[in-house]
Protein backbone atom coordinates (compact mmCIF):
# COMPACT_ATOMS: atom_id res chain seq x y z
CA UNK A 1 0.00 0.00 0.00
CA UNK A 2 1.12 3.50 -0.67
CA UNK A 3 1.37 5.88 2.24
CA UNK A 4 -0.58 9.11 2.55
CA UNK A 5 2.48 11.03 1.35
CA UNK A 6 2.81 11.87 -2.34
CA UNK A 7 4.97 9.47 -4.32
CA UNK A 8 7.67 11.70 -5.79
CA UNK A 9 10.62 10.48 -7.88
CA UNK A 10 14.20 11.11 -6.77
CA UNK A 11 14.93 12.47 -10.25
CA UNK A 12 12.48 14.94 -11.80
CA UNK A 13 10.58 13.80 -14.86
CA UNK A 14 10.67 15.87 -18.02
CA UNK A 15 7.43 14.15 -19.08
CA UNK A 16 5.19 11.76 -17.18
CA UNK A 17 6.42 8.21 -18.00
CA UNK A 18 2.85 6.86 -17.82
CA UNK A 19 1.64 9.41 -20.36
CA UNK A 20 4.61 8.80 -22.65
CA UNK A 21 4.21 5.00 -22.44
CA UNK A 22 0.53 5.28 -23.27
CA UNK A 23 1.42 7.14 -26.46
CA UNK A 24 1.59 3.80 -28.32
CA UNK A 25 0.38 1.30 -25.71
CA UNK A 26 -2.80 3.26 -25.01
CA UNK A 27 -4.10 3.02 -28.56
CA UNK A 28 -7.07 0.75 -29.14
CA UNK A 29 -6.12 -2.86 -30.02
CA UNK A 30 -2.40 -2.37 -29.26
CA UNK A 31 -2.26 -4.41 -26.07
CA UNK A 32 -4.37 -7.17 -27.61
CA UNK A 33 -1.97 -7.38 -30.54
CA UNK A 34 0.95 -7.64 -28.10
CA UNK A 35 -1.02 -10.32 -26.20
CA UNK A 36 -1.55 -12.29 -29.39
CA UNK A 37 2.10 -12.19 -30.37
CA UNK A 38 3.63 -12.48 -26.89
CA UNK A 39 1.34 -14.96 -25.12
CA UNK A 40 -0.66 -16.74 -27.80
CA UNK A 41 2.30 -16.92 -30.23
CA UNK A 42 0.05 -15.73 -33.05
CA UNK A 43 2.49 -13.96 -35.32
CA UNK A 44 0.97 -13.66 -38.81
CA UNK A 45 -1.41 -10.96 -40.00
CA UNK A 46 -4.41 -13.20 -40.71
CA UNK A 47 -3.89 -15.16 -37.48
CA UNK A 48 -3.96 -11.93 -35.48
CA UNK A 49 -7.14 -10.90 -37.33
CA UNK A 50 -8.82 -14.20 -36.37
CA UNK A 51 -7.60 -14.00 -32.76
CA UNK A 52 -9.02 -10.51 -32.22
CA UNK A 53 -12.68 -10.15 -33.25
CA UNK A 54 -13.60 -6.60 -34.24
CA UNK A 55 -10.12 -5.66 -35.38
CA UNK A 56 -10.09 -4.46 -38.99
CA UNK A 57 -7.28 -5.09 -41.49
CA UNK A 58 -6.64 -1.35 -41.85
CA UNK A 59 -6.26 -0.82 -38.11
CA UNK A 60 -4.13 -3.96 -37.66
CA UNK A 61 -1.80 -2.80 -40.42
CA UNK A 62 -1.59 0.65 -38.83
CA UNK A 63 -0.95 -0.72 -35.32
CA UNK A 64 1.70 -3.17 -36.53
CA UNK A 65 3.51 -0.31 -38.28
CA UNK A 66 3.26 1.89 -35.18
CA UNK A 67 4.52 -0.90 -32.92
CA UNK A 68 7.41 -1.57 -35.29
CA UNK A 69 8.29 2.12 -35.52
CA UNK A 70 8.16 2.45 -31.71
CA UNK A 71 10.48 -0.54 -31.30
CA UNK A 72 8.02 -3.03 -29.78
CA UNK A 73 7.90 -5.38 -32.79
CA UNK A 74 10.13 -6.45 -35.61
CA UNK A 75 8.99 -7.71 -38.97
CA UNK A 76 10.40 -11.13 -39.87
CA UNK A 77 10.21 -11.84 -43.60
CA UNK A 78 10.75 -15.31 -45.01
CA UNK A 79 10.44 -16.53 -48.60
CA UNK A 80 6.70 -17.07 -48.31
CA UNK A 81 5.43 -15.08 -45.34
CA UNK A 82 5.75 -12.17 -42.99
CA UNK A 83 5.72 -12.79 -39.26
CA UNK A 84 5.89 -10.42 -36.33
CA UNK A 85 8.10 -10.88 -33.27
CA UNK A 86 8.49 -8.98 -30.03
CA UNK A 87 11.69 -7.02 -29.54
CA UNK A 88 13.25 -6.70 -26.09
CA UNK A 89 11.09 -3.62 -25.60
CA UNK A 90 8.02 -5.63 -26.63
CA UNK A 91 8.96 -8.44 -24.23
CA UNK A 92 9.04 -5.85 -21.43
CA UNK A 93 5.31 -5.26 -21.97
CA UNK A 94 4.44 -8.84 -20.99
CA UNK A 95 4.58 -8.23 -17.22
CA UNK A 96 2.30 -5.22 -17.77
CA UNK A 97 -0.16 -7.43 -19.64
CA UNK A 98 0.03 -10.01 -16.85
CA UNK A 99 -0.86 -7.16 -14.47
CA UNK A 100 -3.99 -6.49 -16.53
CA UNK A 101 -4.83 -10.20 -16.48
CA UNK A 102 -4.38 -10.24 -12.71
CA UNK A 103 -6.49 -7.10 -12.23
CA UNK A 104 -9.28 -8.28 -14.54
CA UNK A 105 -9.33 -11.75 -13.00
CA UNK A 106 -9.76 -10.25 -9.55
CA UNK A 107 -12.01 -7.24 -10.11
CA UNK A 108 -13.97 -8.29 -13.21
CA UNK A 109 -14.37 -11.97 -12.42
CA UNK A 110 -18.12 -11.78 -13.06
CA UNK A 111 -17.35 -10.96 -16.72
CA UNK A 112 -14.14 -12.96 -17.12
CA UNK A 113 -15.16 -16.32 -15.67
CA UNK A 114 -18.35 -18.34 -16.07
CA UNK A 115 -18.40 -19.14 -12.34
CA UNK A 116 -17.71 -15.44 -11.55
CA UNK A 117 -15.07 -16.43 -8.97
CA UNK A 118 -12.01 -14.14 -8.72
CA UNK A 119 -8.68 -15.84 -9.31
CA UNK A 120 -5.00 -15.08 -8.78
CA UNK A 121 -2.36 -15.37 -11.49
CA UNK A 122 -0.86 -18.41 -9.75
CA UNK A 123 -4.22 -20.19 -10.19
CA UNK A 124 -4.47 -19.24 -13.85
CA UNK A 125 -0.87 -20.05 -14.78
CA UNK A 126 0.48 -22.65 -12.32
CA UNK A 127 4.23 -23.03 -12.62
CA UNK A 128 4.69 -19.69 -14.38
CA UNK A 129 7.53 -17.81 -12.68
CA UNK A 130 5.68 -14.62 -11.87
CA UNK A 131 7.41 -11.41 -10.95
CA UNK A 132 5.91 -8.15 -9.86
CA UNK A 133 5.83 -5.33 -12.37
CA UNK A 134 8.72 -3.06 -11.46
């Protein structure tokens, strides 16, 4: 728990790191695309389209380009296909996504689970070495 005192950094921020991070990550569909590639190992355009109902080809193309430009993804071209892979920066989003899974599984259990029972990450992913988001 945080104390009643303000949480102030030891080094002043030029810009708020939350606001800057949300520049790309806060765009609609972005985190779901990272989920698909990072957790589900869905790495081709049409696979991502199928894995994310409601996502349009135009928006997927735009988000993939934005994520590549921002350094979260790299395009992997082979003779017959194009695949997408997380960069180190993209891999660093996975604990954030796990945090969203943890939050949603606890506070939105009535929507997430048929039995509406809240769950912890350790219940959902037994054996997964979990670390706190730093």
